[in-house]
Amino acid sequence: LFCLAAPLFMGTKNLDAAQSAKVIEMYLSFLGIILLMPVFGPDMNREIFDVIRSKKESMVAVSLIRIAQSTFFLLLAGVGFLFYLKAGNCGFSMAEGVYAFVADACFLGGLGLAAFAVSDNVAFAYMIPVVYYIANIGAGKKYLGKLYLFSMQTGQIRDKGILLAAGIFCIVFAVWYHLTFPWPVTYNGRHGKQ
């Protein structure tokens, strides 16, 4: 639905390379937040978490299956949208578009997932990648350097590898932290003091 709504917010036909990059980086990258953030959603209820943890399969395997499913649907929606842009006569390299989209989406989704694992607070977890996204609009490449989300718009695609690596690191950290410290013990949040 997010991809289908794109023509309501911006042009998706006959875009040049810079305009296509803007759509890919400023709109499509949000799919990472939408699809990767809910990975730990079923574990928010401690009873459900305890039931899942008591099963034969390891929690690492369960988390990796959830991440694989989210990544599959992320790629399906994102690459499908890129083909839609190409069919609309937009001028960009498909390989660069996929690379930029995956790097940005992975980074934003991983950032939110790590924030959720550490804080166990959904609202805070969504705020972190959104605030980072807004910081990219305001601060620009000058202050964010190689972690600038919108580098494709300036014709620079090489830094996306650092974003992709940072996103994967955040996801791995989130899984490790979530399974090592599944319930917050220092704040009186949803689950109370432990």
N, C-alpha and C. Protein backbone atom coordinates (compact mmCIF):
# COMPACT_ATOMS: atom_id res chain seq x y z
N LEU A 1 0.83 -1.21 0.00
CA LEU A 1 0.00 0.00 0.00
C LEU A 1 0.86 1.25 0.00
N PHE A 2 1.97 1.19 0.73
CA PHE A 2 2.88 2.33 0.78
C PHE A 2 3.42 2.65 -0.61
N CYS A 3 3.81 1.63 -1.34
CA CYS A 3 4.32 1.83 -2.71
C CYS A 3 3.22 2.27 -3.66
N LEU A 4 2.03 1.69 -3.51
CA LEU A 4 0.92 2.06 -4.38
C LEU A 4 0.48 3.50 -4.18
N ALA A 5 0.70 4.04 -2.98
CA ALA A 5 0.31 5.41 -2.69
C ALA A 5 1.31 6.44 -3.20
N ALA A 6 2.48 6.01 -3.66
CA ALA A 6 3.54 6.94 -4.07
C ALA A 6 3.08 7.96 -5.10
N PRO A 7 2.33 7.58 -6.15
CA PRO A 7 1.93 8.59 -7.14
C PRO A 7 1.04 9.70 -6.57
N LEU A 8 0.44 9.47 -5.41
CA LEU A 8 -0.36 10.52 -4.79
C LEU A 8 0.51 11.61 -4.17
N PHE A 9 1.76 11.28 -3.83
CA PHE A 9 2.64 12.22 -3.14
C PHE A 9 3.71 12.83 -4.03
N MET A 10 4.05 12.16 -5.13
CA MET A 10 5.14 12.65 -5.97
C MET A 10 4.98 12.11 -7.38
N GLY A 11 5.72 12.71 -8.29
CA GLY A 11 5.72 12.22 -9.65
C GLY A 11 6.51 10.93 -9.75
N THR A 12 6.03 10.01 -10.55
CA THR A 12 6.73 8.74 -10.74
C THR A 12 6.92 8.41 -12.22
N LYS A 13 6.72 9.38 -13.08
CA LYS A 13 6.86 9.18 -14.53
C LYS A 13 7.85 10.18 -15.10
N ASN A 14 8.64 9.72 -16.07
CA ASN A 14 9.56 10.57 -16.82
C ASN A 14 10.51 11.38 -15.94
N LEU A 15 11.05 10.76 -14.90
CA LEU A 15 11.98 11.44 -14.01
C LEU A 15 13.41 11.27 -14.52
N ASP A 16 14.23 12.30 -14.33
CA ASP A 16 15.64 12.15 -14.69
C ASP A 16 16.36 11.42 -13.55
N ALA A 17 17.67 11.24 -13.66
CA ALA A 17 18.41 10.46 -12.67
C ALA A 17 18.33 11.06 -11.27
N ALA A 18 18.47 12.39 -11.17
CA ALA A 18 18.44 13.04 -9.84
C ALA A 18 17.05 12.95 -9.22
N GLN A 19 16.02 13.14 -10.02
CA GLN A 19 14.65 13.05 -9.50
C GLN A 19 14.32 11.61 -9.09
N SER A 20 14.79 10.64 -9.89
CA SER A 20 14.56 9.24 -9.54
C SER A 20 15.27 8.89 -8.24
N ALA A 21 16.50 9.38 -8.08
CA ALA A 21 17.25 9.14 -6.85
C ALA A 21 16.53 9.73 -5.65
N LYS A 22 15.92 10.88 -5.84
CA LYS A 22 15.18 11.52 -4.74
C LYS A 22 14.00 10.64 -4.31
N VAL A 23 13.27 10.10 -5.28
CA VAL A 23 12.13 9.22 -4.95
C VAL A 23 12.63 7.96 -4.24
N ILE A 24 13.71 7.37 -4.76
CA ILE A 24 14.23 6.13 -4.18
C ILE A 24 14.72 6.37 -2.76
N GLU A 25 15.50 7.42 -2.56
CA GLU A 25 16.13 7.64 -1.25
C GLU A 25 15.20 8.29 -0.23
N MET A 26 14.34 9.17 -0.67
CA MET A 26 13.52 9.90 0.28
C MET A 26 12.16 9.25 0.54
N TYR A 27 11.74 8.35 -0.32
CA TYR A 27 10.45 7.71 -0.12
C TYR A 27 10.59 6.22 0.12
N LEU A 28 11.27 5.56 -0.79
CA LEU A 28 11.35 4.10 -0.74
C LEU A 28 12.13 3.59 0.46
N SER A 29 13.07 4.39 0.97
CA SER A 29 13.88 3.94 2.11
C SER A 29 13.04 3.72 3.37
N PHE A 30 11.86 4.33 3.44
CA PHE A 30 10.98 4.13 4.59
C PHE A 30 10.48 2.69 4.72
N LEU A 31 10.57 1.93 3.63
CA LEU A 31 10.14 0.53 3.71
C LEU A 31 10.95 -0.24 4.75
N GLY A 32 12.20 0.15 4.96
CA GLY A 32 13.02 -0.51 5.98
C GLY A 32 12.42 -0.35 7.37
N ILE A 33 11.94 0.86 7.65
CA ILE A 33 11.32 1.11 8.96
C ILE A 33 10.01 0.32 9.07
N ILE A 34 9.23 0.34 8.01
CA ILE A 34 7.91 -0.31 8.03
C ILE A 34 8.02 -1.82 8.16
N LEU A 35 8.96 -2.44 7.43
CA LEU A 35 9.01 -3.89 7.38
C LEU A 35 10.01 -4.55 8.33
N LEU A 36 11.06 -3.85 8.74
CA LEU A 36 12.03 -4.48 9.64
C LEU A 36 11.72 -4.23 11.11
N MET A 37 11.08 -3.14 11.40
CA MET A 37 10.80 -2.80 12.81
C MET A 37 9.93 -3.83 13.54
N PRO A 38 8.91 -4.42 12.92
CA PRO A 38 8.03 -5.33 13.65
C PRO A 38 8.60 -6.72 13.92
N VAL A 39 9.88 -6.96 13.61
CA VAL A 39 10.46 -8.30 13.78
C VAL A 39 10.30 -8.82 15.20
N PHE A 40 10.49 -7.97 16.21
CA PHE A 40 10.37 -8.40 17.60
C PHE A 40 8.96 -8.16 18.16
N GLY A 41 8.04 -7.76 17.31
CA GLY A 41 6.68 -7.47 17.75
C GLY A 41 6.01 -8.60 18.52
N PRO A 42 6.09 -9.86 18.04
CA PRO A 42 5.44 -10.94 18.78
C PRO A 42 6.02 -11.14 20.18
N ASP A 43 7.26 -10.71 20.39
CA ASP A 43 7.90 -10.91 21.69
C ASP A 43 7.53 -9.84 22.71
N MET A 44 6.72 -8.86 22.32
CA MET A 44 6.37 -7.80 23.26
C MET A 44 5.54 -8.33 24.42
N ASN A 45 4.80 -9.40 24.18
CA ASN A 45 4.04 -10.03 25.25
C ASN A 45 4.93 -11.10 25.89
N ARG A 46 5.21 -10.95 27.16
CA ARG A 46 6.16 -11.87 27.81
C ARG A 46 5.68 -13.31 27.78
N GLU A 47 4.38 -13.55 27.90
CA GLU A 47 3.87 -14.91 27.87
C GLU A 47 4.14 -15.57 26.52
N ILE A 48 3.90 -14.81 25.44
CA ILE A 48 4.17 -15.34 24.10
C ILE A 48 5.67 -15.59 23.94
N PHE A 49 6.48 -14.66 24.41
CA PHE A 49 7.94 -14.82 24.32
C PHE A 49 8.39 -16.08 25.05
N ASP A 50 7.84 -16.32 26.25
CA ASP A 50 8.22 -17.50 27.02
C ASP A 50 7.80 -18.79 26.32
N VAL A 51 6.62 -18.79 25.68
CA VAL A 51 6.17 -19.97 24.94
C VAL A 51 7.09 -20.24 23.75
N ILE A 52 7.42 -19.18 22.99
CA ILE A 52 8.32 -19.34 21.84
C ILE A 52 9.69 -19.82 22.29
N ARG A 53 10.17 -19.28 23.40
CA ARG A 53 11.50 -19.64 23.91
C ARG A 53 11.54 -21.08 24.42
N SER A 54 10.40 -21.62 24.84
CA SER A 54 10.37 -22.99 25.37
C SER A 54 10.39 -24.05 24.27
N LYS A 55 10.21 -23.65 23.03
CA LYS A 55 10.16 -24.61 21.92
C LYS A 55 11.55 -25.12 21.57
N LYS A 56 11.58 -26.17 20.77
CA LYS A 56 12.82 -26.83 20.39
C LYS A 56 13.72 -25.91 19.55
N GLU A 57 13.12 -25.12 18.66
CA GLU A 57 13.90 -24.23 17.82
C GLU A 57 14.50 -23.11 18.66
N SER A 58 15.71 -22.72 18.32
CA SER A 58 16.36 -21.64 19.08
C SER A 58 15.72 -20.31 18.72
N MET A 59 15.80 -19.37 19.65
CA MET A 59 15.27 -18.03 19.41
C MET A 59 16.05 -17.32 18.31
N VAL A 60 17.33 -17.67 18.17
CA VAL A 60 18.12 -17.09 17.08
C VAL A 60 17.52 -17.49 15.74
N ALA A 61 17.19 -18.78 15.60
CA ALA A 61 16.58 -19.26 14.35
C ALA A 61 15.25 -18.57 14.09
N VAL A 62 14.44 -18.42 15.14
CA VAL A 62 13.14 -17.76 15.00
C VAL A 62 13.34 -16.31 14.54
N SER A 63 14.29 -15.61 15.17
CA SER A 63 14.56 -14.22 14.80
C SER A 63 15.08 -14.11 13.38
N LEU A 64 15.96 -15.03 12.99
CA LEU A 64 16.51 -15.00 11.63
C LEU A 64 15.44 -15.30 10.58
N ILE A 65 14.51 -16.20 10.91
CA ILE A 65 13.40 -16.48 10.00
C ILE A 65 12.52 -15.24 9.84
N ARG A 66 12.24 -14.56 10.93
CA ARG A 66 11.44 -13.33 10.86
C ARG A 66 12.15 -12.26 10.02
N ILE A 67 13.45 -12.10 10.24
CA ILE A 67 14.23 -11.11 9.48
C ILE A 67 14.26 -11.49 8.01
N ALA A 68 14.42 -12.78 7.71
CA ALA A 68 14.43 -13.24 6.31
C ALA A 68 13.09 -12.96 5.65
N GLN A 69 11.99 -13.20 6.36
CA GLN A 69 10.66 -12.90 5.80
C GLN A 69 10.50 -11.41 5.53
N SER A 70 10.90 -10.59 6.50
CA SER A 70 10.79 -9.14 6.34
C SER A 70 11.65 -8.67 5.18
N THR A 71 12.86 -9.22 5.07
CA THR A 71 13.77 -8.84 3.99
C THR A 71 13.20 -9.25 2.64
N PHE A 72 12.60 -10.43 2.57
CA PHE A 72 11.98 -10.88 1.32
C PHE A 72 10.90 -9.91 0.87
N PHE A 73 10.00 -9.54 1.78
CA PHE A 73 8.92 -8.63 1.41
C PHE A 73 9.43 -7.22 1.15
N LEU A 74 10.50 -6.83 1.84
CA LEU A 74 11.15 -5.55 1.59
C LEU A 74 11.68 -5.51 0.16
N LEU A 75 12.38 -6.56 -0.24
CA LEU A 75 12.92 -6.63 -1.61
C LEU A 75 11.80 -6.73 -2.64
N LEU A 76 10.79 -7.52 -2.34
CA LEU A 76 9.66 -7.68 -3.27
C LEU A 76 8.99 -6.33 -3.54
N ALA A 77 8.68 -5.61 -2.47
CA ALA A 77 8.00 -4.31 -2.63
C ALA A 77 8.93 -3.28 -3.26
N GLY A 78 10.17 -3.21 -2.78
CA GLY A 78 11.11 -2.20 -3.28
C GLY A 78 11.50 -2.40 -4.72
N VAL A 79 11.89 -3.61 -5.07
CA VAL A 79 12.30 -3.89 -6.45
C VAL A 79 11.09 -3.78 -7.39
N GLY A 80 9.94 -4.21 -6.92
CA GLY A 80 8.72 -4.02 -7.72
C GLY A 80 8.46 -2.55 -8.00
N PHE A 81 8.66 -1.70 -7.00
CA PHE A 81 8.47 -0.26 -7.18
C PHE A 81 9.50 0.31 -8.16
N LEU A 82 10.74 -0.18 -8.08
CA LEU A 82 11.78 0.28 -9.01
C LEU A 82 11.44 -0.11 -10.44
N PHE A 83 10.89 -1.31 -10.65
CA PHE A 83 10.44 -1.69 -11.99
C PHE A 83 9.30 -0.80 -12.46
N TYR A 84 8.44 -0.42 -11.52
CA TYR A 84 7.35 0.51 -11.86
C TYR A 84 7.93 1.85 -12.32
N LEU A 85 8.95 2.35 -11.61
CA LEU A 85 9.59 3.60 -12.02
C LEU A 85 10.22 3.45 -13.42
N LYS A 86 10.91 2.33 -13.63
CA LYS A 86 11.52 2.09 -14.94
C LYS A 86 10.47 2.05 -16.04
N ALA A 87 9.33 1.41 -15.76
CA ALA A 87 8.26 1.35 -16.75
C ALA A 87 7.69 2.74 -17.03
N GLY A 88 7.83 3.66 -16.08
CA GLY A 88 7.36 5.04 -16.25
C GLY A 88 8.41 5.93 -16.89
N ASN A 89 9.41 5.33 -17.52
CA ASN A 89 10.45 6.06 -18.25
C ASN A 89 11.32 6.94 -17.34
N CYS A 90 11.65 6.43 -16.17
CA CYS A 90 12.54 7.15 -15.26
C CYS A 90 13.98 6.76 -15.55
N GLY A 91 14.85 7.75 -15.55
CA GLY A 91 16.24 7.52 -15.94
C GLY A 91 17.16 7.26 -14.77
N PHE A 92 17.35 6.00 -14.42
CA PHE A 92 18.31 5.62 -13.38
C PHE A 92 18.78 4.22 -13.67
N SER A 93 19.93 3.89 -13.14
CA SER A 93 20.47 2.53 -13.28
C SER A 93 19.75 1.62 -12.30
N MET A 94 19.19 0.53 -12.79
CA MET A 94 18.45 -0.39 -11.93
C MET A 94 19.36 -0.95 -10.83
N ALA A 95 20.58 -1.31 -11.17
CA ALA A 95 21.51 -1.87 -10.18
C ALA A 95 21.80 -0.85 -9.08
N GLU A 96 22.05 0.40 -9.47
CA GLU A 96 22.31 1.44 -8.47
C GLU A 96 21.07 1.73 -7.65
N GLY A 97 19.90 1.71 -8.28
CA GLY A 97 18.65 1.95 -7.55
C GLY A 97 18.40 0.89 -6.49
N VAL A 98 18.60 -0.39 -6.86
CA VAL A 98 18.41 -1.48 -5.90
C VAL A 98 19.42 -1.36 -4.77
N TYR A 99 20.68 -1.10 -5.12
CA TYR A 99 21.74 -0.98 -4.12
C TYR A 99 21.45 0.16 -3.13
N ALA A 100 21.07 1.33 -3.66
CA ALA A 100 20.79 2.48 -2.80
C ALA A 100 19.57 2.21 -1.92
N PHE A 101 18.53 1.64 -2.51
CA PHE A 101 17.31 1.34 -1.74
C PHE A 101 17.59 0.35 -0.62
N VAL A 102 18.29 -0.75 -0.95
CA VAL A 102 18.57 -1.78 0.06
C VAL A 102 19.45 -1.22 1.17
N ALA A 103 20.47 -0.45 0.82
CA ALA A 103 21.36 0.12 1.83
C ALA A 103 20.61 1.06 2.77
N ASP A 104 19.84 1.97 2.22
CA ASP A 104 19.10 2.93 3.05
C ASP A 104 18.04 2.24 3.90
N ALA A 105 17.28 1.33 3.28
CA ALA A 105 16.22 0.63 4.02
C ALA A 105 16.80 -0.24 5.12
N CYS A 106 17.89 -0.92 4.83
CA CYS A 106 18.54 -1.78 5.83
C CYS A 106 19.07 -0.94 6.98
N PHE A 107 19.66 0.21 6.66
CA PHE A 107 20.21 1.06 7.72
C PHE A 107 19.11 1.63 8.60
N LEU A 108 18.08 2.20 8.00
CA LEU A 108 16.99 2.78 8.80
C LEU A 108 16.25 1.71 9.60
N GLY A 109 15.96 0.58 8.95
CA GLY A 109 15.28 -0.51 9.66
C GLY A 109 16.14 -1.08 10.77
N GLY A 110 17.44 -1.26 10.50
CA GLY A 110 18.35 -1.78 11.52
C GLY A 110 18.51 -0.83 12.69
N LEU A 111 18.54 0.45 12.39
CA LEU A 111 18.64 1.46 13.45
C LEU A 111 17.43 1.39 14.37
N GLY A 112 16.25 1.30 13.78
CA GLY A 112 15.03 1.20 14.57
C GLY A 112 14.94 -0.11 15.34
N LEU A 113 15.36 -1.19 14.70
CA LEU A 113 15.34 -2.51 15.35
C LEU A 113 16.27 -2.54 16.55
N ALA A 114 17.46 -1.95 16.40
CA ALA A 114 18.41 -1.88 17.52
C ALA A 114 17.85 -1.02 18.65
N ALA A 115 17.22 0.09 18.29
CA ALA A 115 16.62 0.96 19.32
C ALA A 115 15.50 0.23 20.05
N PHE A 116 14.72 -0.57 19.32
CA PHE A 116 13.64 -1.33 19.96
C PHE A 116 14.19 -2.41 20.88
N ALA A 117 15.25 -3.09 20.44
CA ALA A 117 15.83 -4.15 21.26
C ALA A 117 16.36 -3.59 22.57
N VAL A 118 16.99 -2.43 22.51
CA VAL A 118 17.60 -1.83 23.71
C VAL A 118 16.54 -1.21 24.62
N SER A 119 15.58 -0.49 24.02
CA SER A 119 14.63 0.27 24.83
C SER A 119 13.36 -0.50 25.18
N ASP A 120 12.98 -1.49 24.36
CA ASP A 120 11.72 -2.21 24.52
C ASP A 120 10.53 -1.24 24.47
N ASN A 121 10.69 -0.18 23.69
CA ASN A 121 9.68 0.85 23.57
C ASN A 121 9.44 1.13 22.08
N VAL A 122 8.27 0.79 21.59
CA VAL A 122 7.98 0.89 20.16
C VAL A 122 8.03 2.34 19.69
N ALA A 123 7.43 3.26 20.43
CA ALA A 123 7.41 4.66 20.01
C ALA A 123 8.82 5.22 19.90
N PHE A 124 9.65 4.94 20.89
CA PHE A 124 11.04 5.41 20.86
C PHE A 124 11.78 4.78 19.69
N ALA A 125 11.54 3.51 19.45
CA ALA A 125 12.22 2.80 18.37
C ALA A 125 11.87 3.38 17.00
N TYR A 126 10.63 3.79 16.80
CA TYR A 126 10.26 4.41 15.53
C TYR A 126 10.83 5.83 15.42
N MET A 127 10.96 6.50 16.55
CA MET A 127 11.46 7.87 16.54
C MET A 127 12.92 7.95 16.10
N ILE A 128 13.75 6.99 16.49
CA ILE A 128 15.18 7.06 16.20
C ILE A 128 15.46 7.12 14.69
N PRO A 129 14.96 6.19 13.87
CA PRO A 129 15.25 6.31 12.43
C PRO A 129 14.58 7.52 11.78
N VAL A 130 13.40 7.91 12.28
CA VAL A 130 12.73 9.08 11.70
C VAL A 130 13.52 10.35 12.02
N VAL A 131 14.02 10.47 13.24
CA VAL A 131 14.84 11.63 13.60
C VAL A 131 16.14 11.64 12.78
N TYR A 132 16.72 10.46 12.58
CA TYR A 132 17.93 10.38 11.75
C TYR A 132 17.63 10.79 10.32
N TYR A 133 16.50 10.37 9.80
CA TYR A 133 16.07 10.74 8.45
C TYR A 133 15.94 12.26 8.35
N ILE A 134 15.29 12.87 9.33
CA ILE A 134 15.11 14.33 9.33
C ILE A 134 16.46 15.04 9.46
N ALA A 135 17.36 14.47 10.26
CA ALA A 135 18.70 15.05 10.40
C ALA A 135 19.43 15.05 9.06
N ASN A 136 19.20 14.05 8.23
CA ASN A 136 19.82 14.00 6.91
C ASN A 136 19.31 15.11 6.02
N ILE A 137 18.05 15.45 6.16
CA ILE A 137 17.49 16.55 5.37
C ILE A 137 18.08 17.87 5.83
N GLY A 138 18.20 18.05 7.15
CA GLY A 138 18.69 19.32 7.68
C GLY A 138 20.20 19.47 7.66
N ALA A 139 20.92 18.43 8.07
CA ALA A 139 22.37 18.55 8.23
C ALA A 139 23.11 18.31 6.93
N GLY A 140 22.67 17.35 6.15
CA GLY A 140 23.33 17.06 4.89
C GLY A 140 24.62 16.28 5.04
N LYS A 141 25.27 16.08 3.91
CA LYS A 141 26.48 15.27 3.85
C LYS A 141 27.62 15.88 4.63
N LYS A 142 27.63 17.19 4.77
CA LYS A 142 28.72 17.89 5.47
C LYS A 142 28.88 17.36 6.89
N TYR A 143 27.78 17.12 7.58
CA TYR A 143 27.84 16.69 8.98
C TYR A 143 27.73 15.18 9.16
N LEU A 144 27.07 14.50 8.24
CA LEU A 144 26.86 13.07 8.40
C LEU A 144 27.86 12.21 7.62
N GLY A 145 28.60 12.83 6.75
CA GLY A 145 29.68 12.14 6.04
C GLY A 145 29.22 10.90 5.30
N LYS A 146 29.86 9.79 5.59
CA LYS A 146 29.60 8.54 4.87
C LYS A 146 28.29 7.88 5.29
N LEU A 147 27.65 8.38 6.34
CA LEU A 147 26.36 7.85 6.77
C LEU A 147 25.20 8.73 6.29
N TYR A 148 25.45 9.50 5.25
CA TYR A 148 24.42 10.35 4.64
C TYR A 148 23.50 9.49 3.79
N LEU A 149 22.21 9.56 4.03
CA LEU A 149 21.24 8.70 3.34
C LEU A 149 21.02 9.06 1.88
N PHE A 150 21.17 10.31 1.51
CA PHE A 150 20.74 10.78 0.20
C PHE A 150 21.91 11.02 -0.76
N SER A 151 22.95 10.23 -0.67
CA SER A 151 24.13 10.45 -1.50
C SER A 151 23.90 10.13 -2.97
N MET A 152 22.95 9.28 -3.29
CA MET A 152 22.67 8.96 -4.69
C MET A 152 22.20 10.20 -5.46
N GLN A 153 21.53 11.10 -4.76
CA GLN A 153 21.05 12.33 -5.40
C GLN A 153 22.20 13.22 -5.85
N THR A 154 23.34 13.08 -5.20
CA THR A 154 24.51 13.88 -5.57
C THR A 154 25.41 13.11 -6.54
N GLY A 155 24.98 11.94 -6.96
CA GLY A 155 25.76 11.14 -7.89
C GLY A 155 26.80 10.26 -7.23
N GLN A 156 26.76 10.16 -5.92
CA GLN A 156 27.75 9.39 -5.15
C GLN A 156 27.08 8.13 -4.61
N ILE A 157 27.49 6.98 -5.10
CA ILE A 157 26.86 5.73 -4.67
C ILE A 157 27.79 4.89 -3.80
N ARG A 158 29.09 5.20 -3.78
CA ARG A 158 30.06 4.36 -3.07
C ARG A 158 29.81 4.27 -1.57
N ASP A 159 29.34 5.34 -0.96
CA ASP A 159 29.13 5.35 0.49
C ASP A 159 27.97 4.46 0.93
N LYS A 160 27.17 3.99 0.01
CA LYS A 160 26.05 3.12 0.38
C LYS A 160 26.53 1.81 1.01
N GLY A 161 27.75 1.37 0.66
CA GLY A 161 28.29 0.15 1.26
C GLY A 161 28.47 0.29 2.76
N ILE A 162 28.87 1.48 3.20
CA ILE A 162 29.03 1.73 4.63
C ILE A 162 27.67 1.73 5.32
N LEU A 163 26.68 2.32 4.67
CA LEU A 163 25.32 2.29 5.23
C LEU A 163 24.79 0.86 5.33
N LEU A 164 25.03 0.07 4.29
CA LEU A 164 24.57 -1.32 4.29
C LEU A 164 25.26 -2.11 5.41
N ALA A 165 26.56 -1.94 5.54
CA ALA A 165 27.31 -2.64 6.60
C ALA A 165 26.82 -2.20 7.98
N ALA A 166 26.59 -0.89 8.15
CA ALA A 166 26.10 -0.39 9.44
C ALA A 166 24.69 -0.93 9.73
N GLY A 167 23.85 -1.03 8.70
CA GLY A 167 22.51 -1.59 8.88
C GLY A 167 22.55 -3.05 9.29
N ILE A 168 23.40 -3.83 8.64
CA ILE A 168 23.55 -5.25 9.00
C ILE A 168 24.08 -5.38 10.42
N PHE A 169 25.05 -4.55 10.78
CA PHE A 169 25.58 -4.56 12.15
C PHE A 169 24.47 -4.27 13.16
N CYS A 170 23.64 -3.26 12.87
CA CYS A 170 22.54 -2.91 13.78
C CYS A 170 21.55 -4.07 13.94
N ILE A 171 21.27 -4.77 12.85
CA ILE A 171 20.34 -5.90 12.91
C ILE A 171 20.94 -7.03 13.73
N VAL A 172 22.21 -7.35 13.49
CA VAL A 172 22.87 -8.41 14.26
C VAL A 172 22.94 -8.04 15.74
N PHE A 173 23.28 -6.78 16.01
CA PHE A 173 23.32 -6.32 17.40
C PHE A 173 21.94 -6.43 18.04
N ALA A 174 20.90 -6.04 17.31
CA ALA A 174 19.53 -6.08 17.84
C ALA A 174 19.13 -7.50 18.21
N VAL A 175 19.44 -8.46 17.33
CA VAL A 175 19.09 -9.86 17.63
C VAL A 175 19.87 -10.33 18.86
N TRP A 176 21.18 -10.05 18.87
CA TRP A 176 22.00 -10.46 20.03
C TRP A 176 21.48 -9.84 21.32
N TYR A 177 21.23 -8.55 21.31
CA TYR A 177 20.81 -7.85 22.53
C TYR A 177 19.42 -8.33 22.97
N HIS A 178 18.52 -8.49 22.00
CA HIS A 178 17.15 -8.90 22.32
C HIS A 178 17.11 -10.29 22.96
N LEU A 179 17.99 -11.17 22.50
CA LEU A 179 17.99 -12.53 23.03
C LEU A 179 18.84 -12.66 24.29
N THR A 180 19.81 -11.77 24.46
CA THR A 180 20.64 -11.80 25.66
C THR A 180 19.96 -11.09 26.82
N PHE A 181 19.33 -9.97 26.55
CA PHE A 181 18.66 -9.17 27.58
C PHE A 181 17.21 -8.94 27.14
N PRO A 182 16.36 -9.97 27.19
CA PRO A 182 15.02 -9.85 26.60
C PRO A 182 14.08 -8.89 27.34
N TRP A 183 14.35 -8.61 28.59
CA TRP A 183 13.43 -7.75 29.33
C TRP A 183 14.22 -6.66 30.04
N PRO A 184 13.77 -5.42 29.94
CA PRO A 184 14.49 -4.33 30.59
C PRO A 184 14.45 -4.48 32.11
N VAL A 185 15.57 -4.24 32.75
CA VAL A 185 15.63 -4.41 34.20
C VAL A 185 15.88 -3.09 34.91
N THR A 186 16.11 -2.01 34.18
CA THR A 186 16.49 -0.77 34.83
C THR A 186 15.43 0.31 34.76
N TYR A 187 14.35 0.08 34.04
CA TYR A 187 13.33 1.11 34.00
C TYR A 187 11.97 0.47 34.22
N ASN A 188 11.07 1.25 34.74
CA ASN A 188 9.74 0.74 35.06
C ASN A 188 8.83 0.97 33.85
N GLY A 189 9.01 0.14 32.83
CA GLY A 189 8.26 0.29 31.59
C GLY A 189 7.08 -0.65 31.54
N ARG A 190 6.80 -1.12 30.36
CA ARG A 190 5.62 -1.94 30.11
C ARG A 190 5.61 -3.19 30.97
N HIS A 191 6.80 -3.78 31.22
CA HIS A 191 6.85 -5.03 31.97
C HIS A 191 7.12 -4.82 33.45
N GLY A 192 7.39 -3.57 33.84
CA GLY A 192 7.66 -3.32 35.25
C GLY A 192 9.07 -3.72 35.64
N LYS A 193 9.39 -3.52 36.89
CA LYS A 193 10.72 -3.89 37.41
C LYS A 193 10.89 -5.40 37.39
N GLN A 194 12.10 -5.85 37.07
CA GLN A 194 12.39 -7.27 37.05
C GLN A 194 13.13 -7.65 38.31
